[in-house]
Amino acid sequence: MSHYQHKKGAIRDNALEALLHDPLFRQRVERNKKGKGSYSRKTKYGKNSGQEASSKQVDAFLLLAFSALTIVIMHLYCSAL
């Protein structure tokens, strides 16, 4: 059996009552999986599904592609002379 470290300080009288008032047994709101109130903005599978790339990533990619294209053109130009 696992040992649970309660967050209610030292238990004096009733260990069961102290555990019942612990955050372990607090009320939680359950989200509906279907029906009213079930819409979720979180992605179901994977982290980046359907997201666009950030502008920094696009800028870095375009800079790399442009510099590679420039090198190829300069190489072809120099070899033609």
Foldseek 3Di string as FASTA:
>chain_A
DDDDDFDQPDDDDDPVVSVCPTPVNDDDDDADCDDPRNDDPADDDDDCPPHDDDPVVVVVVVVVVVVVVVVVVVVVVVVVD
